Amino acid sequence: MIQFFTFVILEAPKVLNVCVKRFQSSKSGTISKNHDPISFGMTLHVITKYGVEIYDLSSVVVHIEINFTGGHYVSHCRSKDNTWNTLN
């Protein structure tokens, strides 16, 4: 399922951090992680009251779970020569 999110940024920061919460709760109150893949481009265009700011993707942090209360984080970071490195 493709979802689009809209939010308002009045003044664009130099560095933009976006956090996508991947947890969902059922009607019974059980919490689980949504494992559906997320796809995104290498740039993000943000409309502000002053115009459009363009952000280049430089890193992604991934939570490798044991369960929703624990796990491990891994970073995928782009270097200046546009190669991607995994930091464990």
PDB file of N, CA and C in Angstrom:
ATOM      1  N   MET A   1       0.844  -1.174   0.000  1.00  0.00           N
ATOM      2  CA  MET A   1       0.000   0.000   0.000  1.00  0.00           C
ATOM      3  C   MET A   1       0.891   1.238   0.000  1.00  0.00           C
ATOM      4  N   ILE A   2       0.669   2.149  -0.913  1.00  0.00           N
ATOM      5  CA  ILE A   2       1.434   3.387  -0.979  1.00  0.00           C
ATOM      6  C   ILE A   2       0.727   4.432  -0.145  1.00  0.00           C
ATOM      7  N   GLN A   3       1.494   5.083   0.736  1.00  0.00           N
ATOM      8  CA  GLN A   3       0.953   6.148   1.564  1.00  0.00           C
ATOM      9  C   GLN A   3       1.774   7.406   1.342  1.00  0.00           C
ATOM     10  N   PHE A   4       1.112   8.534   1.333  1.00  0.00           N
ATOM     11  CA  PHE A   4       1.768   9.813   1.216  1.00  0.00           C
ATOM     12  C   PHE A   4       1.484  10.609   2.476  1.00  0.00           C
ATOM     13  N   PHE A   5       2.476  11.318   2.935  1.00  0.00           N
ATOM     14  CA  PHE A   5       2.323  12.107   4.139  1.00  0.00           C
ATOM     15  C   PHE A   5       2.590  13.566   3.809  1.00  0.00           C
ATOM     16  N   THR A   6       1.812  14.433   4.392  1.00  0.00           N
ATOM     17  CA  THR A   6       1.975  15.862   4.197  1.00  0.00           C
ATOM     18  C   THR A   6       2.163  16.519   5.556  1.00  0.00           C
ATOM     19  N   PHE A   7       3.149  17.385   5.626  1.00  0.00           N
ATOM     20  CA  PHE A   7       3.357  18.157   6.839  1.00  0.00           C
ATOM     21  C   PHE A   7       3.879  19.524   6.441  1.00  0.00           C
ATOM     22  N   VAL A   8       3.815  20.483   7.344  1.00  0.00           N
ATOM     23  CA  VAL A   8       4.188  21.860   7.049  1.00  0.00           C
ATOM     24  C   VAL A   8       5.503  22.196   7.750  1.00  0.00           C
ATOM     25  N   ILE A   9       6.438  22.704   6.966  1.00  0.00           N
ATOM     26  CA  ILE A   9       7.694  23.224   7.511  1.00  0.00           C
ATOM     27  C   ILE A   9       7.712  24.712   7.183  1.00  0.00           C
ATOM     28  N   LEU A  10       7.738  25.536   8.219  1.00  0.00           N
ATOM     29  CA  LEU A  10       7.711  26.968   7.980  1.00  0.00           C
ATOM     30  C   LEU A  10       9.055  27.479   7.474  1.00  0.00           C
ATOM     31  N   GLU A  11      10.133  27.007   8.077  1.00  0.00           N
ATOM     32  CA  GLU A  11      11.473  27.403   7.652  1.00  0.00           C
ATOM     33  C   GLU A  11      12.332  26.150   7.585  1.00  0.00           C
ATOM     34  N   ALA A  12      12.897  25.887   6.434  1.00  0.00           N
ATOM     35  CA  ALA A  12      13.639  24.647   6.221  1.00  0.00           C
ATOM     36  C   ALA A  12      14.979  24.682   6.955  1.00  0.00           C
ATOM     37  N   PRO A  13      15.296  23.637   7.719  1.00  0.00           N
ATOM     38  CA  PRO A  13      16.600  23.569   8.384  1.00  0.00           C
ATOM     39  C   PRO A  13      17.686  23.189   7.382  1.00  0.00           C
ATOM     40  N   LYS A  14      18.946  23.409   7.756  1.00  0.00           N
ATOM     41  CA  LYS A  14      20.060  23.030   6.892  1.00  0.00           C
ATOM     42  C   LYS A  14      20.109  21.509   6.719  1.00  0.00           C
ATOM     43  N   VAL A  15      19.881  20.778   7.806  1.00  0.00           N
ATOM     44  CA  VAL A  15      19.853  19.315   7.785  1.00  0.00           C
ATOM     45  C   VAL A  15      18.467  18.880   8.231  1.00  0.00           C
ATOM     46  N   LEU A  16      17.837  17.998   7.471  1.00  0.00           N
ATOM     47  CA  LEU A  16      16.498  17.525   7.800  1.00  0.00           C
ATOM     48  C   LEU A  16      16.567  16.051   8.179  1.00  0.00           C
ATOM     49  N   ASN A  17      16.095  15.723   9.364  1.00  0.00           N
ATOM     50  CA  ASN A  17      16.002  14.338   9.826  1.00  0.00           C
ATOM     51  C   ASN A  17      14.540  13.923   9.778  1.00  0.00           C
ATOM     52  N   VAL A  18      14.285  12.794   9.154  1.00  0.00           N
ATOM     53  CA  VAL A  18      12.928  12.262   9.051  1.00  0.00           C
ATOM     54  C   VAL A  18      12.907  10.899   9.717  1.00  0.00           C
ATOM     55  N   CYS A  19      11.971  10.703  10.625  1.00  0.00           N
ATOM     56  CA  CYS A  19      11.832   9.430  11.322  1.00  0.00           C
ATOM     57  C   CYS A  19      10.492   8.813  10.937  1.00  0.00           C
ATOM     58  N   VAL A  20      10.546   7.591  10.438  1.00  0.00           N
ATOM     59  CA  VAL A  20       9.327   6.883  10.055  1.00  0.00           C
ATOM     60  C   VAL A  20       9.067   5.823  11.115  1.00  0.00           C
ATOM     61  N   LYS A  21       8.014   5.997  11.868  1.00  0.00           N
ATOM     62  CA  LYS A  21       7.651   5.020  12.893  1.00  0.00           C
ATOM     63  C   LYS A  21       7.008   3.821  12.214  1.00  0.00           C
ATOM     64  N   ARG A  22       7.507   2.648  12.529  1.00  0.00           N
ATOM     65  CA  ARG A  22       7.070   1.430  11.848  1.00  0.00           C
ATOM     66  C   ARG A  22       6.244   0.514  12.735  1.00  0.00           C
ATOM     67  N   PHE A  23       5.745   1.039  13.832  1.00  0.00           N
ATOM     68  CA  PHE A  23       4.991   0.198  14.759  1.00  0.00           C
ATOM     69  C   PHE A  23       3.506   0.483  14.640  1.00  0.00           C
ATOM     70  N   GLN A  24       2.731  -0.540  14.864  1.00  0.00           N
ATOM     71  CA  GLN A  24       1.276  -0.398  14.784  1.00  0.00           C
ATOM     72  C   GLN A  24       0.645  -1.197  15.909  1.00  0.00           C
ATOM     73  N   SER A  25      -0.498  -0.758  16.336  1.00  0.00           N
ATOM     74  CA  SER A  25      -1.195  -1.495  17.395  1.00  0.00           C
ATOM     75  C   SER A  25      -2.511  -2.028  16.852  1.00  0.00           C
ATOM     76  N   SER A  26      -2.871  -3.193  17.331  1.00  0.00           N
ATOM     77  CA  SER A  26      -4.123  -3.819  16.914  1.00  0.00           C
ATOM     78  C   SER A  26      -5.253  -3.331  17.818  1.00  0.00           C
ATOM     79  N   LYS A  27      -6.473  -3.719  17.496  1.00  0.00           N
ATOM     80  CA  LYS A  27      -7.620  -3.354  18.328  1.00  0.00           C
ATOM     81  C   LYS A  27      -7.503  -3.936  19.727  1.00  0.00           C
ATOM     82  N   SER A  28      -6.789  -5.069  19.843  1.00  0.00           N
ATOM     83  CA  SER A  28      -6.625  -5.703  21.156  1.00  0.00           C
ATOM     84  C   SER A  28      -5.483  -5.074  21.964  1.00  0.00           C
ATOM     85  N   GLY A  29      -4.737  -4.145  21.328  1.00  0.00           N
ATOM     86  CA  GLY A  29      -3.649  -3.480  22.036  1.00  0.00           C
ATOM     87  C   GLY A  29      -2.279  -4.095  21.815  1.00  0.00           C
ATOM     88  N   THR A  30      -2.208  -5.141  20.992  1.00  0.00           N
ATOM     89  CA  THR A  30      -0.933  -5.770  20.683  1.00  0.00           C
ATOM     90  C   THR A  30      -0.129  -4.857  19.761  1.00  0.00           C
ATOM     91  N   ILE A  31       1.147  -4.649  20.074  1.00  0.00           N
ATOM     92  CA  ILE A  31       2.012  -3.803  19.260  1.00  0.00           C
ATOM     93  C   ILE A  31       2.907  -4.688  18.403  1.00  0.00           C
ATOM     94  N   SER A  32       3.003  -4.345  17.125  1.00  0.00           N
ATOM     95  CA  SER A  32       3.860  -5.094  16.212  1.00  0.00           C
ATOM     96  C   SER A  32       4.539  -4.119  15.254  1.00  0.00           C
ATOM     97  N   LYS A  33       5.586  -4.605  14.601  1.00  0.00           N
ATOM     98  CA  LYS A  33       6.309  -3.783  13.643  1.00  0.00           C
ATOM     99  C   LYS A  33       5.776  -4.042  12.242  1.00  0.00           C
ATOM    100  N   ASN A  34       5.595  -2.987  11.480  1.00  0.00           N
ATOM    101  CA  ASN A  34       5.183  -3.077  10.090  1.00  0.00           C
ATOM    102  C   ASN A  34       6.432  -3.394   9.267  1.00  0.00           C
ATOM    103  N   HIS A  35       6.454  -4.543   8.596  1.00  0.00           N
ATOM    104  CA  HIS A  35       7.611  -4.976   7.817  1.00  0.00           C
ATOM    105  C   HIS A  35       7.489  -4.660   6.328  1.00  0.00           C
ATOM    106  N   ASP A  36       6.449  -3.938   5.930  1.00  0.00           N
ATOM    107  CA  ASP A  36       6.307  -3.577   4.526  1.00  0.00           C
ATOM    108  C   ASP A  36       7.491  -2.717   4.099  1.00  0.00           C
ATOM    109  N   PRO A  37       8.038  -2.966   2.908  1.00  0.00           N
ATOM    110  CA  PRO A  37       9.187  -2.172   2.458  1.00  0.00           C
ATOM    111  C   PRO A  37       8.816  -0.711   2.246  1.00  0.00           C
ATOM    112  N   ILE A  38       9.794   0.143   2.445  1.00  0.00           N
ATOM    113  CA  ILE A  38       9.639   1.574   2.175  1.00  0.00           C
ATOM    114  C   ILE A  38      10.583   1.909   1.031  1.00  0.00           C
ATOM    115  N   SER A  39      10.077   2.576   0.025  1.00  0.00           N
ATOM    116  CA  SER A  39      10.956   3.041  -1.046  1.00  0.00           C
ATOM    117  C   SER A  39      10.961   4.563  -1.043  1.00  0.00           C
ATOM    118  N   PHE A  40      12.094   5.125  -1.381  1.00  0.00           N
ATOM    119  CA  PHE A  40      12.236   6.572  -1.403  1.00  0.00           C
ATOM    120  C   PHE A  40      13.349   6.923  -2.378  1.00  0.00           C
ATOM    121  N   GLY A  41      13.316   8.135  -2.855  1.00  0.00           N
ATOM    122  CA  GLY A  41      14.318   8.592  -3.814  1.00  0.00           C
ATOM    123  C   GLY A  41      15.557   9.130  -3.118  1.00  0.00           C
ATOM    124  N   MET A  42      16.498   9.563  -3.923  1.00  0.00           N
ATOM    125  CA  MET A  42      17.751  10.105  -3.394  1.00  0.00           C
ATOM    126  C   MET A  42      17.638  11.580  -3.052  1.00  0.00           C
ATOM    127  N   THR A  43      16.520  12.215  -3.431  1.00  0.00           N
ATOM    128  CA  THR A  43      16.291  13.615  -3.073  1.00  0.00           C
ATOM    129  C   THR A  43      14.880  13.766  -2.509  1.00  0.00           C
ATOM    130  N   LEU A  44      14.730  14.773  -1.679  1.00  0.00           N
ATOM    131  CA  LEU A  44      13.433  15.108  -1.095  1.00  0.00           C
ATOM    132  C   LEU A  44      13.185  16.584  -1.343  1.00  0.00           C
ATOM    133  N   HIS A  45      12.079  16.899  -1.961  1.00  0.00           N
ATOM    134  CA  HIS A  45      11.705  18.284  -2.223  1.00  0.00           C
ATOM    135  C   HIS A  45      10.711  18.720  -1.154  1.00  0.00           C
ATOM    136  N   VAL A  46      11.058  19.765  -0.431  1.00  0.00           N
ATOM    137  CA  VAL A  46      10.224  20.258   0.660  1.00  0.00           C
ATOM    138  C   VAL A  46       9.758  21.663   0.309  1.00  0.00           C
ATOM    139  N   ILE A  47       8.443  21.858   0.330  1.00  0.00           N
ATOM    140  CA  ILE A  47       7.875  23.171   0.044  1.00  0.00           C
ATOM    141  C   ILE A  47       7.727  23.927   1.356  1.00  0.00           C
ATOM    142  N   THR A  48       8.313  25.102   1.414  1.00  0.00           N
ATOM    143  CA  THR A  48       8.199  25.968   2.585  1.00  0.00           C
ATOM    144  C   THR A  48       7.495  27.257   2.163  1.00  0.00           C
ATOM    145  N   LYS A  49       7.263  28.133   3.104  1.00  0.00           N
ATOM    146  CA  LYS A  49       6.619  29.400   2.749  1.00  0.00           C
ATOM    147  C   LYS A  49       7.552  30.294   1.932  1.00  0.00           C
ATOM    148  N   TYR A  50       8.846  29.949   1.874  1.00  0.00           N
ATOM    149  CA  TYR A  50       9.816  30.730   1.113  1.00  0.00           C
ATOM    150  C   TYR A  50      10.180  30.110  -0.230  1.00  0.00           C
ATOM    151  N   GLY A  51       9.680  28.918  -0.510  1.00  0.00           N
ATOM    152  CA  GLY A  51      10.004  28.253  -1.765  1.00  0.00           C
ATOM    153  C   GLY A  51      10.236  26.768  -1.550  1.00  0.00           C
ATOM    154  N   VAL A  52      11.022  26.171  -2.440  1.00  0.00           N
ATOM    155  CA  VAL A  52      11.293  24.734  -2.392  1.00  0.00           C
ATOM    156  C   VAL A  52      12.737  24.511  -1.949  1.00  0.00           C
ATOM    157  N   GLU A  53      12.903  23.669  -0.955  1.00  0.00           N
ATOM    158  CA  GLU A  53      14.233  23.239  -0.520  1.00  0.00           C
ATOM    159  C   GLU A  53      14.439  21.809  -0.999  1.00  0.00           C
ATOM    160  N   ILE A  54      15.628  21.503  -1.482  1.00  0.00           N
ATOM    161  CA  ILE A  54      15.941  20.161  -1.963  1.00  0.00           C
ATOM    162  C   ILE A  54      16.993  19.554  -1.051  1.00  0.00           C
ATOM    163  N   TYR A  55      16.667  18.379  -0.508  1.00  0.00           N
ATOM    164  CA  TYR A  55      17.577  17.657   0.378  1.00  0.00           C
ATOM    165  C   TYR A  55      18.079  16.413  -0.337  1.00  0.00           C
ATOM    166  N   ASP A  56      19.378  16.161  -0.236  1.00  0.00           N
ATOM    167  CA  ASP A  56      19.984  14.948  -0.774  1.00  0.00           C
ATOM    168  C   ASP A  56      20.095  13.922   0.341  1.00  0.00           C
ATOM    169  N   LEU A  57      19.711  12.695   0.038  1.00  0.00           N
ATOM    170  CA  LEU A  57      19.801  11.620   1.025  1.00  0.00           C
ATOM    171  C   LEU A  57      21.268  11.320   1.304  1.00  0.00           C
ATOM    172  N   SER A  58      21.636  11.309   2.581  1.00  0.00           N
ATOM    173  CA  SER A  58      23.033  11.041   2.940  1.00  0.00           C
ATOM    174  C   SER A  58      23.177   9.824   3.836  1.00  0.00           C
ATOM    175  N   SER A  59      22.103   9.429   4.510  1.00  0.00           N
ATOM    176  CA  SER A  59      22.188   8.232   5.356  1.00  0.00           C
ATOM    177  C   SER A  59      20.794   7.706   5.675  1.00  0.00           C
ATOM    178  N   VAL A  60      20.786   6.425   6.022  1.00  0.00           N
ATOM    179  CA  VAL A  60      19.560   5.745   6.440  1.00  0.00           C
ATOM    180  C   VAL A  60      19.919   4.894   7.650  1.00  0.00           C
ATOM    181  N   VAL A  61      19.117   4.980   8.687  1.00  0.00           N
ATOM    182  CA  VAL A  61      19.310   4.145   9.870  1.00  0.00           C
ATOM    183  C   VAL A  61      18.207   3.096   9.885  1.00  0.00           C
ATOM    184  N   VAL A  62      18.595   1.828  10.066  1.00  0.00           N
ATOM    185  CA  VAL A  62      17.650   0.717  10.024  1.00  0.00           C
ATOM    186  C   VAL A  62      17.661   0.012  11.376  1.00  0.00           C
ATOM    187  N   HIS A  63      16.481  -0.261  11.899  1.00  0.00           N
ATOM    188  CA  HIS A  63      16.346  -1.016  13.151  1.00  0.00           C
ATOM    189  C   HIS A  63      16.135  -2.483  12.805  1.00  0.00           C
ATOM    190  N   ILE A  64      17.086  -3.317  13.239  1.00  0.00           N
ATOM    191  CA  ILE A  64      16.955  -4.763  13.075  1.00  0.00           C
ATOM    192  C   ILE A  64      16.443  -5.285  14.398  1.00  0.00           C
ATOM    193  N   GLU A  65      15.253  -5.781  14.383  1.00  0.00           N
ATOM    194  CA  GLU A  65      14.551  -6.043  15.631  1.00  0.00           C
ATOM    195  C   GLU A  65      14.747  -7.443  16.191  1.00  0.00           C
ATOM    196  N   ILE A  66      14.709  -7.486  17.485  1.00  0.00           N
ATOM    197  CA  ILE A  66      14.443  -8.730  18.203  1.00  0.00           C
ATOM    198  C   ILE A  66      12.933  -8.748  18.444  1.00  0.00           C
ATOM    199  N   ASN A  67      12.435  -7.664  18.948  1.00  0.00           N
ATOM    200  CA  ASN A  67      11.006  -7.386  19.072  1.00  0.00           C
ATOM    201  C   ASN A  67      10.869  -5.871  19.170  1.00  0.00           C
ATOM    202  N   PHE A  68       9.691  -5.359  19.397  1.00  0.00           N
ATOM    203  CA  PHE A  68       9.522  -3.911  19.377  1.00  0.00           C
ATOM    204  C   PHE A  68      10.159  -3.215  20.574  1.00  0.00           C
ATOM    205  N   THR A  69      10.580  -3.955  21.577  1.00  0.00           N
ATOM    206  CA  THR A  69      11.231  -3.336  22.736  1.00  0.00           C
ATOM    207  C   THR A  69      12.753  -3.437  22.683  1.00  0.00           C
ATOM    208  N   GLY A  70      13.298  -4.110  21.672  1.00  0.00           N
ATOM    209  CA  GLY A  70      14.751  -4.239  21.585  1.00  0.00           C
ATOM    210  C   GLY A  70      15.192  -4.565  20.186  1.00  0.00           C
ATOM    211  N   GLY A  71      16.499  -4.484  19.978  1.00  0.00           N
ATOM    212  CA  GLY A  71      17.045  -4.796  18.674  1.00  0.00           C
ATOM    213  C   GLY A  71      18.374  -4.122  18.475  1.00  0.00           C
ATOM    214  N   HIS A  72      18.713  -3.862  17.225  1.00  0.00           N
ATOM    215  CA  HIS A  72      20.020  -3.322  16.866  1.00  0.00           C
ATOM    216  C   HIS A  72      19.834  -2.324  15.732  1.00  0.00           C
ATOM    217  N   TYR A  73      20.624  -1.263  15.736  1.00  0.00           N
ATOM    218  CA  TYR A  73      20.566  -0.258  14.671  1.00  0.00           C
ATOM    219  C   TYR A  73      21.796  -0.364  13.781  1.00  0.00           C
ATOM    220  N   VAL A  74      21.592  -0.236  12.476  1.00  0.00           N
ATOM    221  CA  VAL A  74      22.663  -0.227  11.489  1.00  0.00           C
ATOM    222  C   VAL A  74      22.472   1.025  10.634  1.00  0.00           C
ATOM    223  N   SER A  75      23.569   1.712  10.314  1.00  0.00           N
ATOM    224  CA  SER A  75      23.507   2.903   9.465  1.00  0.00           C
ATOM    225  C   SER A  75      24.098   2.616   8.101  1.00  0.00           C
ATOM    226  N   HIS A  76      23.435   3.114   7.085  1.00  0.00           N
ATOM    227  CA  HIS A  76      23.949   3.076   5.720  1.00  0.00           C
ATOM    228  C   HIS A  76      24.223   4.531   5.339  1.00  0.00           C
ATOM    229  N   CYS A  77      25.503   4.855   5.121  1.00  0.00           N
ATOM    230  CA  CYS A  77      25.903   6.243   4.902  1.00  0.00           C
ATOM    231  C   CYS A  77      26.582   6.413   3.553  1.00  0.00           C
ATOM    232  N   ARG A  78      26.261   7.507   2.888  1.00  0.00           N
ATOM    233  CA  ARG A  78      26.864   7.806   1.583  1.00  0.00           C
ATOM    234  C   ARG A  78      28.106   8.670   1.793  1.00  0.00           C
ATOM    235  N   SER A  79      29.197   8.265   1.174  1.00  0.00           N
ATOM    236  CA  SER A  79      30.436   9.025   1.289  1.00  0.00           C
ATOM    237  C   SER A  79      30.510  10.080   0.183  1.00  0.00           C
ATOM    238  N   LYS A  80      31.544  10.904   0.217  1.00  0.00           N
ATOM    239  CA  LYS A  80      31.677  11.991  -0.757  1.00  0.00           C
ATOM    240  C   LYS A  80      31.789  11.492  -2.195  1.00  0.00           C
ATOM    241  N   ASP A  81      32.312  10.274  -2.383  1.00  0.00           N
ATOM    242  CA  ASP A  81      32.421   9.725  -3.740  1.00  0.00           C
ATOM    243  C   ASP A  81      31.171   8.934  -4.154  1.00  0.00           C
ATOM    244  N   ASN A  82      30.076   9.100  -3.402  1.00  0.00           N
ATOM    245  CA  ASN A  82      28.767   8.501  -3.672  1.00  0.00           C
ATOM    246  C   ASN A  82      28.716   6.980  -3.496  1.00  0.00           C
ATOM    247  N   THR A  83      29.676   6.412  -2.801  1.00  0.00           N
ATOM    248  CA  THR A  83      29.582   5.003  -2.439  1.00  0.00           C
ATOM    249  C   THR A  83      28.864   4.911  -1.102  1.00  0.00           C
ATOM    250  N   TRP A  84      28.179   3.790  -0.889  1.00  0.00           N
ATOM    251  CA  TRP A  84      27.436   3.586   0.348  1.00  0.00           C
ATOM    252  C   TRP A  84      28.205   2.619   1.243  1.00  0.00           C
ATOM    253  N   ASN A  85      28.281   2.951   2.523  1.00  0.00           N
ATOM    254  CA  ASN A  85      28.963   2.140   3.513  1.00  0.00           C
ATOM    255  C   ASN A  85      27.989   1.762   4.616  1.00  0.00           C
ATOM    256  N   THR A  86      28.079   0.544   5.089  1.00  0.00           N
ATOM    257  CA  THR A  86      27.249   0.088   6.192  1.00  0.00           C
ATOM    258  C   THR A  86      28.070   0.175   7.475  1.00  0.00           C
ATOM    259  N   LEU A  87      27.521   0.854   8.466  1.00  0.00           N
ATOM    260  CA  LEU A  87      28.163   1.010   9.763  1.00  0.00           C
ATOM    261  C   LEU A  87      27.352   0.223  10.779  1.00  0.00           C
ATOM    262  N   ASN A  88      27.982  -0.767  11.344  1.00  0.00           N
ATOM    263  CA  ASN A  88      27.290  -1.673  12.251  1.00  0.00           C
ATOM    264  C   ASN A  88      27.632  -1.310  13.690  1.00  0.00           C
TER     265      ASN A  88
END
